[in-house]
N, C-alpha and C. Protein backbone atom coordinates (compact mmCIF):
# COMPACT_ATOMS: atom_id res chain seq x y z
N MET A 1 135.01 87.16 81.03
CA MET A 1 134.41 88.45 81.38
C MET A 1 133.83 88.37 82.79
N GLU A 2 134.49 89.03 83.71
CA GLU A 2 134.15 88.88 85.13
C GLU A 2 132.77 89.42 85.47
N ASN A 3 132.26 90.37 84.69
CA ASN A 3 130.97 90.97 85.03
C ASN A 3 129.79 90.21 84.43
N ILE A 4 130.04 89.09 83.76
CA ILE A 4 128.98 88.29 83.16
C ILE A 4 128.96 86.92 83.82
N LYS A 5 127.83 86.58 84.46
CA LYS A 5 127.71 85.32 85.18
C LYS A 5 126.58 84.49 84.57
N ILE A 6 126.90 83.27 84.17
CA ILE A 6 125.89 82.32 83.73
C ILE A 6 125.40 81.59 84.98
N VAL A 7 124.12 81.68 85.26
CA VAL A 7 123.58 81.14 86.51
C VAL A 7 123.33 79.64 86.33
N ASP A 8 124.11 78.85 87.01
CA ASP A 8 124.07 77.39 86.90
C ASP A 8 123.12 76.85 87.97
N ASN A 9 121.85 76.72 87.60
CA ASN A 9 120.84 76.29 88.55
C ASN A 9 119.88 75.33 87.83
N MET A 10 119.70 74.12 88.35
CA MET A 10 118.91 73.12 87.65
C MET A 10 117.43 73.49 87.56
N VAL A 11 116.91 74.18 88.55
CA VAL A 11 115.51 74.60 88.48
C VAL A 11 115.34 75.63 87.36
N LEU A 12 116.31 76.53 87.22
CA LEU A 12 116.29 77.49 86.11
C LEU A 12 116.34 76.75 84.77
N LYS A 13 117.24 75.79 84.66
CA LYS A 13 117.37 75.04 83.40
C LYS A 13 116.07 74.32 83.04
N ASN A 14 115.42 73.77 84.05
CA ASN A 14 114.16 73.08 83.82
C ASN A 14 113.10 74.06 83.30
N ALA A 15 113.00 75.23 83.94
CA ALA A 15 112.02 76.23 83.51
C ALA A 15 112.33 76.73 82.10
N LEU A 16 113.62 76.88 81.79
CA LEU A 16 114.01 77.36 80.46
C LEU A 16 113.68 76.31 79.39
N THR A 17 113.90 75.05 79.70
CA THR A 17 113.53 74.01 78.75
C THR A 17 112.02 74.02 78.50
N ASN A 18 111.24 74.18 79.56
CA ASN A 18 109.78 74.31 79.41
C ASN A 18 109.44 75.51 78.53
N LEU A 19 110.12 76.62 78.76
CA LEU A 19 109.84 77.86 78.05
C LEU A 19 110.14 77.74 76.56
N ARG A 20 111.13 76.95 76.20
CA ARG A 20 111.51 76.82 74.79
C ARG A 20 110.43 76.15 73.93
N ASP A 21 109.54 75.39 74.55
CA ASP A 21 108.53 74.62 73.82
C ASP A 21 107.57 75.58 73.10
N LYS A 22 107.54 75.51 71.78
CA LYS A 22 106.73 76.44 70.99
C LYS A 22 105.23 76.26 71.22
N ASN A 23 104.82 75.12 71.79
CA ASN A 23 103.40 74.85 72.02
C ASN A 23 102.93 75.29 73.40
N LEU A 24 103.81 75.90 74.18
CA LEU A 24 103.45 76.33 75.54
C LEU A 24 102.43 77.45 75.48
N LYS A 25 101.37 77.35 76.30
CA LYS A 25 100.34 78.39 76.35
C LYS A 25 100.92 79.67 76.95
N SER A 26 100.32 80.80 76.60
CA SER A 26 100.82 82.10 77.06
C SER A 26 100.88 82.19 78.58
N SER A 27 99.88 81.62 79.26
CA SER A 27 99.88 81.67 80.72
C SER A 27 101.09 80.95 81.29
N GLN A 28 101.48 79.84 80.66
CA GLN A 28 102.64 79.10 81.12
C GLN A 28 103.96 79.74 80.68
N VAL A 29 103.94 80.42 79.53
CA VAL A 29 105.12 81.20 79.14
C VAL A 29 105.42 82.23 80.22
N ARG A 30 104.40 82.96 80.64
CA ARG A 30 104.60 83.97 81.70
C ARG A 30 105.08 83.33 82.99
N LYS A 31 104.50 82.18 83.34
CA LYS A 31 104.87 81.51 84.59
C LYS A 31 106.33 81.06 84.57
N GLN A 32 106.78 80.46 83.47
CA GLN A 32 108.17 80.01 83.39
C GLN A 32 109.13 81.20 83.42
N ILE A 33 108.76 82.31 82.76
CA ILE A 33 109.59 83.51 82.79
C ILE A 33 109.69 84.04 84.22
N GLU A 34 108.59 84.04 84.95
CA GLU A 34 108.60 84.50 86.33
C GLU A 34 109.50 83.63 87.21
N ILE A 35 109.43 82.33 87.02
CA ILE A 35 110.28 81.42 87.80
C ILE A 35 111.75 81.72 87.54
N ILE A 36 112.11 81.87 86.28
CA ILE A 36 113.51 82.15 85.93
C ILE A 36 113.96 83.49 86.50
N ALA A 37 113.09 84.50 86.41
CA ALA A 37 113.43 85.82 86.94
C ALA A 37 113.72 85.77 88.44
N LYS A 38 112.93 85.01 89.17
CA LYS A 38 113.15 84.89 90.61
C LYS A 38 114.52 84.29 90.90
N ILE A 39 114.86 83.24 90.17
CA ILE A 39 116.15 82.58 90.41
C ILE A 39 117.31 83.51 90.06
N LEU A 40 117.20 84.22 88.94
CA LEU A 40 118.25 85.16 88.55
C LEU A 40 118.41 86.26 89.60
N LEU A 41 117.28 86.78 90.10
CA LEU A 41 117.34 87.85 91.10
C LEU A 41 117.96 87.36 92.40
N ILE A 42 117.56 86.19 92.84
CA ILE A 42 118.12 85.64 94.08
C ILE A 42 119.62 85.46 93.96
N GLU A 43 120.08 84.98 92.81
CA GLU A 43 121.52 84.82 92.59
C GLU A 43 122.22 86.17 92.58
N ALA A 44 121.61 87.15 91.93
CA ALA A 44 122.24 88.47 91.81
C ALA A 44 122.38 89.17 93.15
N LEU A 45 121.46 88.91 94.07
CA LEU A 45 121.44 89.66 95.34
C LEU A 45 121.92 88.84 96.53
N LYS A 46 122.45 87.65 96.29
CA LYS A 46 122.75 86.77 97.42
C LYS A 46 123.86 87.30 98.32
N ASN A 47 124.72 88.19 97.80
CA ASN A 47 125.81 88.73 98.62
C ASN A 47 125.65 90.22 98.92
N GLU A 48 124.43 90.73 98.80
CA GLU A 48 124.19 92.14 99.10
C GLU A 48 124.41 92.42 100.58
N ASN A 49 124.83 93.66 100.88
CA ASN A 49 125.00 94.06 102.27
C ASN A 49 123.63 94.19 102.94
N PRO A 50 123.46 93.60 104.12
CA PRO A 50 122.16 93.66 104.77
C PRO A 50 121.99 94.92 105.62
N ILE A 51 120.74 95.21 105.92
CA ILE A 51 120.43 96.13 107.02
C ILE A 51 119.92 95.25 108.17
N TYR A 52 119.81 95.83 109.35
CA TYR A 52 119.31 95.07 110.49
C TYR A 52 118.01 95.72 110.96
N THR A 53 116.99 94.91 111.05
CA THR A 53 115.68 95.43 111.41
C THR A 53 115.15 94.67 112.63
N GLU A 54 114.48 95.41 113.50
CA GLU A 54 113.92 94.79 114.70
C GLU A 54 112.58 94.14 114.37
N VAL A 55 112.45 92.87 114.72
CA VAL A 55 111.23 92.12 114.49
C VAL A 55 110.85 91.42 115.79
N GLU A 56 109.57 91.43 116.09
CA GLU A 56 109.08 90.69 117.25
C GLU A 56 108.50 89.36 116.76
N THR A 57 109.14 88.29 117.12
CA THR A 57 108.64 86.95 116.78
C THR A 57 107.56 86.58 117.80
N PRO A 58 106.91 85.44 117.65
CA PRO A 58 105.94 85.02 118.68
C PRO A 58 106.55 84.85 120.06
N LEU A 59 107.90 84.81 120.15
CA LEU A 59 108.53 84.54 121.45
C LEU A 59 109.41 85.67 121.96
N ALA A 60 109.98 86.49 121.06
CA ALA A 60 110.91 87.52 121.54
C ALA A 60 111.19 88.53 120.43
N LYS A 61 111.73 89.69 120.84
CA LYS A 61 112.20 90.67 119.87
C LYS A 61 113.66 90.38 119.52
N GLY A 62 114.03 90.76 118.31
CA GLY A 62 115.42 90.59 117.92
C GLY A 62 115.75 91.42 116.71
N LEU A 63 117.06 91.59 116.44
CA LEU A 63 117.53 92.26 115.24
C LEU A 63 117.90 91.20 114.21
N PHE A 64 117.39 91.37 113.00
CA PHE A 64 117.58 90.36 111.97
C PHE A 64 118.00 91.02 110.66
N GLU A 65 118.78 90.25 109.87
CA GLU A 65 119.26 90.76 108.58
C GLU A 65 118.12 90.85 107.57
N ALA A 66 118.17 91.90 106.76
CA ALA A 66 117.17 92.09 105.71
C ALA A 66 117.77 92.93 104.59
N LEU A 67 117.09 92.96 103.47
CA LEU A 67 117.44 93.86 102.38
C LEU A 67 116.64 95.14 102.51
N GLU A 68 117.27 96.24 102.17
CA GLU A 68 116.57 97.52 102.12
C GLU A 68 115.85 97.59 100.76
N GLU A 69 114.66 97.02 100.73
CA GLU A 69 114.00 96.74 99.45
C GLU A 69 113.74 97.99 98.62
N ASP A 70 113.44 99.11 99.26
CA ASP A 70 113.09 100.30 98.47
C ASP A 70 114.32 100.99 97.87
N ARG A 71 115.51 100.42 98.09
CA ARG A 71 116.71 100.91 97.40
C ARG A 71 116.85 100.29 96.01
N TYR A 72 116.01 99.32 95.70
CA TYR A 72 116.08 98.62 94.43
C TYR A 72 114.98 99.11 93.49
N VAL A 73 115.38 99.33 92.25
CA VAL A 73 114.42 99.75 91.21
C VAL A 73 114.50 98.74 90.08
N ILE A 74 113.40 98.09 89.79
CA ILE A 74 113.35 97.08 88.74
C ILE A 74 112.79 97.73 87.48
N VAL A 75 113.54 97.63 86.39
CA VAL A 75 113.18 98.30 85.14
C VAL A 75 113.05 97.26 84.02
N PRO A 76 111.81 96.89 83.67
CA PRO A 76 111.63 96.00 82.52
C PRO A 76 111.71 96.79 81.22
N ILE A 77 112.22 96.13 80.19
CA ILE A 77 112.12 96.66 78.83
C ILE A 77 110.83 96.08 78.25
N LEU A 78 109.87 96.97 77.98
CA LEU A 78 108.54 96.54 77.55
C LEU A 78 108.57 96.01 76.13
N ARG A 79 107.71 95.04 75.84
CA ARG A 79 106.73 94.31 76.63
C ARG A 79 107.34 93.11 77.34
N ALA A 80 108.34 92.54 76.71
CA ALA A 80 108.81 91.20 77.08
C ALA A 80 109.28 91.12 78.53
N GLY A 81 109.72 92.25 79.11
CA GLY A 81 110.24 92.23 80.46
C GLY A 81 109.18 92.21 81.55
N LEU A 82 107.89 92.38 81.19
CA LEU A 82 106.85 92.48 82.21
C LEU A 82 106.70 91.22 83.07
N PRO A 83 106.69 90.02 82.50
CA PRO A 83 106.61 88.85 83.38
C PRO A 83 107.82 88.73 84.32
N MET A 84 108.99 89.17 83.87
CA MET A 84 110.16 89.15 84.75
C MET A 84 109.97 90.14 85.90
N LEU A 85 109.38 91.31 85.60
CA LEU A 85 109.07 92.27 86.66
C LEU A 85 108.17 91.64 87.71
N ASN A 86 107.13 90.93 87.27
CA ASN A 86 106.21 90.30 88.22
C ASN A 86 106.94 89.30 89.12
N GLY A 87 107.82 88.51 88.53
CA GLY A 87 108.58 87.56 89.33
C GLY A 87 109.48 88.25 90.34
N CYS A 88 110.15 89.32 89.91
CA CYS A 88 111.06 90.04 90.81
C CYS A 88 110.30 90.70 91.96
N LEU A 89 109.11 91.22 91.67
CA LEU A 89 108.33 91.88 92.73
C LEU A 89 107.76 90.88 93.73
N GLU A 90 107.67 89.61 93.36
CA GLU A 90 107.30 88.61 94.34
C GLU A 90 108.43 88.40 95.34
N VAL A 91 109.68 88.57 94.89
CA VAL A 91 110.83 88.42 95.77
C VAL A 91 111.07 89.70 96.57
N LEU A 92 110.93 90.86 95.91
CA LEU A 92 111.15 92.16 96.56
C LEU A 92 109.88 93.01 96.42
N PRO A 93 108.86 92.73 97.21
CA PRO A 93 107.57 93.42 97.02
C PRO A 93 107.61 94.91 97.26
N GLU A 94 108.60 95.41 98.00
CA GLU A 94 108.66 96.85 98.29
C GLU A 94 109.61 97.58 97.33
N ALA A 95 110.15 96.88 96.36
CA ALA A 95 111.01 97.55 95.37
C ALA A 95 110.17 98.48 94.51
N LYS A 96 110.83 99.49 93.94
CA LYS A 96 110.16 100.38 93.01
C LYS A 96 110.29 99.81 91.59
N ALA A 97 109.51 100.34 90.68
CA ALA A 97 109.59 99.91 89.28
C ALA A 97 109.65 101.13 88.38
N GLY A 98 110.42 101.00 87.31
CA GLY A 98 110.45 101.99 86.25
C GLY A 98 110.20 101.26 84.94
N PHE A 99 109.99 102.02 83.86
CA PHE A 99 109.61 101.38 82.60
C PHE A 99 110.31 102.04 81.42
N LEU A 100 110.80 101.20 80.51
CA LEU A 100 111.38 101.67 79.26
C LEU A 100 110.74 100.88 78.12
N THR A 101 110.32 101.58 77.08
CA THR A 101 109.87 100.92 75.86
C THR A 101 110.91 101.19 74.78
N ILE A 102 111.59 100.14 74.37
CA ILE A 102 112.64 100.24 73.35
C ILE A 102 112.30 99.24 72.27
N LYS A 103 112.15 99.73 71.05
CA LYS A 103 111.77 98.85 69.94
C LYS A 103 112.90 98.73 68.95
N ARG A 104 113.12 97.51 68.49
CA ARG A 104 114.15 97.23 67.50
C ARG A 104 113.55 97.26 66.10
N ASP A 105 114.15 98.00 65.21
CA ASP A 105 113.75 97.99 63.81
C ASP A 105 114.16 96.65 63.21
N GLU A 106 113.20 95.91 62.67
CA GLU A 106 113.48 94.57 62.18
C GLU A 106 114.36 94.55 60.92
N GLU A 107 114.44 95.69 60.23
CA GLU A 107 115.28 95.76 59.04
C GLU A 107 116.72 96.14 59.39
N THR A 108 116.85 97.24 60.16
CA THR A 108 118.19 97.75 60.47
C THR A 108 118.76 97.15 61.75
N LEU A 109 117.88 96.56 62.60
CA LEU A 109 118.24 96.02 63.92
C LEU A 109 118.66 97.12 64.89
N LYS A 110 118.42 98.39 64.56
CA LYS A 110 118.72 99.51 65.46
C LYS A 110 117.57 99.68 66.46
N SER A 111 117.91 100.12 67.66
CA SER A 111 116.92 100.28 68.72
C SER A 111 116.56 101.75 68.92
N THR A 112 115.28 102.00 69.20
CA THR A 112 114.78 103.34 69.44
C THR A 112 113.99 103.37 70.74
N LEU A 113 114.22 104.38 71.56
CA LEU A 113 113.48 104.57 72.81
C LEU A 113 112.18 105.30 72.52
N PHE A 114 111.05 104.69 72.89
CA PHE A 114 109.74 105.29 72.67
C PHE A 114 109.12 105.84 73.94
N TYR A 115 109.48 105.26 75.09
CA TYR A 115 108.82 105.66 76.35
C TYR A 115 109.78 105.46 77.51
N GLU A 116 109.81 106.42 78.40
CA GLU A 116 110.67 106.35 79.60
C GLU A 116 109.90 106.86 80.79
N ARG A 117 109.77 106.02 81.80
CA ARG A 117 109.11 106.42 83.04
C ARG A 117 109.91 105.81 84.19
N LEU A 118 110.74 106.61 84.82
CA LEU A 118 111.65 106.12 85.85
C LEU A 118 111.49 106.93 87.12
N PRO A 119 111.53 106.27 88.29
CA PRO A 119 111.58 107.01 89.54
C PRO A 119 112.99 107.57 89.74
N ASP A 120 113.22 108.23 90.87
CA ASP A 120 114.55 108.74 91.19
C ASP A 120 115.52 107.56 91.31
N LEU A 121 116.55 107.57 90.50
CA LEU A 121 117.54 106.48 90.50
C LEU A 121 118.83 106.85 91.21
N ASN A 122 118.94 108.07 91.67
CA ASN A 122 120.19 108.52 92.27
C ASN A 122 120.55 107.67 93.50
N GLY A 123 121.70 107.01 93.43
CA GLY A 123 122.17 106.19 94.54
C GLY A 123 121.46 104.86 94.70
N LYS A 124 120.60 104.49 93.76
CA LYS A 124 119.84 103.24 93.85
C LYS A 124 120.55 102.11 93.10
N THR A 125 120.11 100.89 93.38
CA THR A 125 120.51 99.74 92.59
C THR A 125 119.40 99.48 91.57
N VAL A 126 119.74 99.58 90.30
CA VAL A 126 118.77 99.39 89.22
C VAL A 126 118.94 97.99 88.65
N ILE A 127 117.83 97.27 88.54
CA ILE A 127 117.83 95.92 88.00
C ILE A 127 117.04 95.94 86.70
N ILE A 128 117.75 95.85 85.57
CA ILE A 128 117.09 95.79 84.27
C ILE A 128 116.67 94.36 84.01
N VAL A 129 115.43 94.16 83.56
CA VAL A 129 114.97 92.81 83.25
C VAL A 129 114.48 92.77 81.80
N ASP A 130 115.05 91.85 81.05
CA ASP A 130 114.69 91.65 79.64
C ASP A 130 115.04 90.21 79.29
N PRO A 131 114.10 89.43 78.78
CA PRO A 131 114.38 88.02 78.57
C PRO A 131 115.55 87.73 77.64
N MET A 132 115.74 88.53 76.59
CA MET A 132 116.71 88.15 75.56
C MET A 132 117.76 89.24 75.32
N VAL A 133 118.98 88.80 75.14
CA VAL A 133 120.05 89.67 74.64
C VAL A 133 120.44 89.10 73.29
N ALA A 134 119.82 89.62 72.24
CA ALA A 134 120.09 89.11 70.88
C ALA A 134 121.28 89.87 70.29
N THR A 135 121.02 90.98 69.62
CA THR A 135 122.14 91.82 69.17
C THR A 135 122.71 92.62 70.33
N GLY A 136 121.91 92.78 71.39
CA GLY A 136 122.33 93.58 72.53
C GLY A 136 121.98 95.05 72.41
N GLY A 137 121.40 95.45 71.28
CA GLY A 137 121.13 96.87 71.05
C GLY A 137 120.15 97.48 72.03
N SER A 138 119.05 96.78 72.32
CA SER A 138 118.05 97.31 73.25
C SER A 138 118.63 97.44 74.66
N LEU A 139 119.39 96.44 75.07
CA LEU A 139 119.99 96.48 76.41
C LEU A 139 121.04 97.57 76.50
N GLU A 140 121.86 97.72 75.46
CA GLU A 140 122.83 98.83 75.44
C GLU A 140 122.12 100.16 75.60
N HIS A 141 121.01 100.33 74.86
CA HIS A 141 120.26 101.58 74.90
C HIS A 141 119.71 101.82 76.31
N ALA A 142 119.15 100.76 76.92
CA ALA A 142 118.59 100.88 78.26
C ALA A 142 119.66 101.26 79.28
N ILE A 143 120.81 100.63 79.20
CA ILE A 143 121.89 100.94 80.14
C ILE A 143 122.34 102.39 79.99
N SER A 144 122.45 102.85 78.75
CA SER A 144 122.88 104.24 78.50
C SER A 144 121.88 105.24 79.08
N VAL A 145 120.58 104.94 78.94
CA VAL A 145 119.54 105.82 79.50
C VAL A 145 119.64 105.84 81.01
N ILE A 146 119.77 104.68 81.63
CA ILE A 146 119.78 104.58 83.09
C ILE A 146 121.01 105.22 83.68
N LYS A 147 122.15 105.09 83.02
CA LYS A 147 123.39 105.69 83.53
C LYS A 147 123.27 107.21 83.71
N LYS A 148 122.46 107.85 82.89
CA LYS A 148 122.29 109.31 82.98
C LYS A 148 121.63 109.72 84.29
N HIS A 149 120.99 108.77 84.98
CA HIS A 149 120.26 109.08 86.22
C HIS A 149 121.07 108.77 87.47
N ASN A 150 122.36 108.46 87.32
CA ASN A 150 123.29 108.34 88.43
C ASN A 150 122.93 107.26 89.46
N PRO A 151 122.64 106.03 89.02
CA PRO A 151 122.43 104.96 90.00
C PRO A 151 123.74 104.54 90.64
N GLU A 152 123.65 103.91 91.79
CA GLU A 152 124.86 103.38 92.44
C GLU A 152 125.35 102.12 91.75
N LYS A 153 124.41 101.29 91.29
CA LYS A 153 124.77 100.01 90.67
C LYS A 153 123.72 99.65 89.63
N ILE A 154 124.14 98.98 88.57
CA ILE A 154 123.22 98.45 87.57
C ILE A 154 123.45 96.96 87.44
N ILE A 155 122.35 96.21 87.50
CA ILE A 155 122.36 94.76 87.32
C ILE A 155 121.40 94.45 86.17
N SER A 156 121.80 93.53 85.30
CA SER A 156 120.92 93.10 84.22
C SER A 156 120.61 91.61 84.38
N LEU A 157 119.30 91.28 84.35
CA LEU A 157 118.87 89.89 84.42
C LEU A 157 118.30 89.50 83.06
N ASN A 158 118.85 88.44 82.48
CA ASN A 158 118.45 88.03 81.13
C ASN A 158 118.36 86.51 81.08
N ILE A 159 117.37 86.02 80.37
CA ILE A 159 117.12 84.57 80.32
C ILE A 159 118.04 83.88 79.32
N VAL A 160 118.04 84.35 78.07
CA VAL A 160 118.92 83.79 77.06
C VAL A 160 119.66 84.91 76.33
N ALA A 161 120.87 84.60 75.88
CA ALA A 161 121.68 85.58 75.17
C ALA A 161 122.41 84.89 74.03
N SER A 162 122.81 85.68 73.05
CA SER A 162 123.68 85.18 71.98
C SER A 162 125.11 85.60 72.30
N PRO A 163 126.09 84.88 71.76
CA PRO A 163 127.49 85.32 71.93
C PRO A 163 127.71 86.73 71.39
N GLU A 164 127.03 87.07 70.27
CA GLU A 164 127.18 88.41 69.69
C GLU A 164 126.65 89.48 70.65
N GLY A 165 125.48 89.21 71.24
CA GLY A 165 124.91 90.16 72.19
C GLY A 165 125.78 90.36 73.42
N ILE A 166 126.34 89.24 73.91
CA ILE A 166 127.22 89.32 75.08
C ILE A 166 128.44 90.18 74.77
N ARG A 167 129.02 89.99 73.60
CA ARG A 167 130.18 90.80 73.23
C ARG A 167 129.83 92.29 73.21
N ASN A 168 128.65 92.60 72.72
CA ASN A 168 128.26 94.00 72.59
C ASN A 168 128.02 94.68 73.94
N VAL A 169 127.42 93.96 74.88
CA VAL A 169 127.11 94.60 76.17
C VAL A 169 128.26 94.48 77.17
N SER A 170 129.22 93.60 76.89
CA SER A 170 130.31 93.40 77.86
C SER A 170 131.20 94.63 78.01
N LYS A 171 131.05 95.60 77.11
CA LYS A 171 131.84 96.83 77.23
C LYS A 171 131.47 97.63 78.47
N PHE A 172 130.27 97.37 79.03
CA PHE A 172 129.84 98.05 80.25
C PHE A 172 130.44 97.29 81.44
N LYS A 173 131.68 97.59 81.76
CA LYS A 173 132.40 96.83 82.78
C LYS A 173 131.83 97.01 84.19
N ASP A 174 131.09 98.10 84.40
CA ASP A 174 130.53 98.37 85.71
C ASP A 174 129.11 97.84 85.87
N VAL A 175 128.61 97.12 84.87
CA VAL A 175 127.28 96.51 84.94
C VAL A 175 127.45 95.02 85.15
N LEU A 176 126.65 94.45 86.05
CA LEU A 176 126.70 93.01 86.33
C LEU A 176 125.57 92.32 85.56
N PHE A 177 125.92 91.30 84.80
CA PHE A 177 124.95 90.58 83.99
C PHE A 177 124.77 89.17 84.55
N TYR A 178 123.52 88.81 84.82
CA TYR A 178 123.18 87.45 85.27
C TYR A 178 122.29 86.83 84.21
N ILE A 179 122.77 85.76 83.60
CA ILE A 179 122.16 85.21 82.39
C ILE A 179 121.88 83.72 82.59
N GLY A 180 120.71 83.29 82.11
CA GLY A 180 120.35 81.88 82.26
C GLY A 180 121.11 80.97 81.32
N GLN A 181 121.27 81.39 80.06
CA GLN A 181 121.92 80.52 79.08
C GLN A 181 122.43 81.35 77.91
N ILE A 182 123.62 81.02 77.43
CA ILE A 182 124.10 81.59 76.17
C ILE A 182 123.85 80.56 75.08
N ASP A 183 123.04 80.94 74.09
CA ASP A 183 122.68 80.02 73.01
C ASP A 183 123.68 80.09 71.87
N LYS A 184 123.38 79.35 70.80
CA LYS A 184 124.32 79.16 69.70
C LYS A 184 124.70 80.45 68.98
N GLY A 185 123.70 81.27 68.65
CA GLY A 185 123.99 82.49 67.90
C GLY A 185 122.73 83.11 67.35
N LEU A 186 122.88 83.98 66.34
CA LEU A 186 121.77 84.68 65.73
C LEU A 186 121.52 84.17 64.31
N ASN A 187 120.25 84.21 63.90
CA ASN A 187 119.96 83.94 62.49
C ASN A 187 120.06 85.23 61.69
N ASP A 188 119.71 85.18 60.41
CA ASP A 188 119.89 86.36 59.56
C ASP A 188 118.91 87.48 59.86
N LYS A 189 117.92 87.21 60.72
CA LYS A 189 116.98 88.25 61.14
C LYS A 189 117.28 88.78 62.54
N GLY A 190 118.39 88.32 63.11
CA GLY A 190 118.79 88.81 64.43
C GLY A 190 118.08 88.15 65.58
N TYR A 191 117.49 86.96 65.37
CA TYR A 191 116.85 86.21 66.44
C TYR A 191 117.79 85.15 66.98
N ILE A 192 117.70 84.91 68.30
CA ILE A 192 118.56 83.93 68.94
C ILE A 192 118.14 82.52 68.54
N ILE A 193 119.12 81.69 68.19
CA ILE A 193 118.90 80.29 67.84
C ILE A 193 119.60 79.41 68.88
N PRO A 194 118.94 78.39 69.47
CA PRO A 194 117.54 78.03 69.31
C PRO A 194 116.57 78.99 70.00
N GLY A 195 117.00 79.64 71.06
CA GLY A 195 116.24 80.72 71.67
C GLY A 195 114.90 80.32 72.24
N ILE A 196 114.05 81.34 72.42
CA ILE A 196 112.70 81.13 72.97
C ILE A 196 111.65 81.81 72.10
N GLY A 197 112.02 82.25 70.91
CA GLY A 197 111.08 82.97 70.06
C GLY A 197 110.91 84.41 70.52
N ASP A 198 109.83 85.04 70.09
CA ASP A 198 109.53 86.41 70.50
C ASP A 198 108.84 86.35 71.86
N ALA A 199 109.57 86.68 72.92
CA ALA A 199 109.06 86.52 74.28
C ALA A 199 107.82 87.37 74.53
N GLY A 200 107.80 88.59 73.98
CA GLY A 200 106.64 89.44 74.19
C GLY A 200 105.40 88.88 73.53
N ASP A 201 105.51 88.45 72.29
CA ASP A 201 104.37 87.86 71.59
C ASP A 201 103.88 86.60 72.29
N ARG A 202 104.81 85.77 72.69
CA ARG A 202 104.43 84.50 73.33
C ARG A 202 103.82 84.71 74.70
N ALA A 203 104.33 85.68 75.45
CA ALA A 203 103.82 85.93 76.80
C ALA A 203 102.42 86.52 76.79
N PHE A 204 102.13 87.32 75.75
CA PHE A 204 100.86 88.04 75.75
C PHE A 204 99.95 87.63 74.59
N ASN A 205 100.29 86.50 73.94
CA ASN A 205 99.42 85.90 72.95
C ASN A 205 99.07 86.86 71.82
N THR A 206 100.10 87.60 71.34
CA THR A 206 99.87 88.58 70.29
C THR A 206 100.68 88.22 69.04
């Protein structure tokens, strides 16, 4: 699947191994998620077309390559995506942010949208951030919502995914997925094994 890239980076792997530890404190869960998000974002944007901006260095003026940061909109799926948003905004501090709250019913595994707050997405590059692609239902829902707002490009950054979740979201051929690791699969409750547990609960100590 050409639109799905597993990011092969040893620093990411190290952070993910740290994150998997069930005894990790919430502050460190957030920190490891932020580190992984930065690496995923840097990989996703490494070949973006630059703009040229005039900067005066201590010695001379010059035109230098840069990203047009305010063309990017980072959209976390709440709650679990919030630490990833923080990491991405450290890399792109002038990017905009939007928010989606999508909750999965633990019995049916169906996803429901509870809250949507998005800036103008017309012609923008939207970066969805969500740590896990389990069944893929929440991410599918988020992509469908965002597509209605006519973005130029959609990128999804995800830390761990299941093979089942990847199959479900791969139908979006025009969306680029950057993923840290594909794990073994899902258990009977729809959780990724071995996975990282409930990222939202672990990140916010709830």
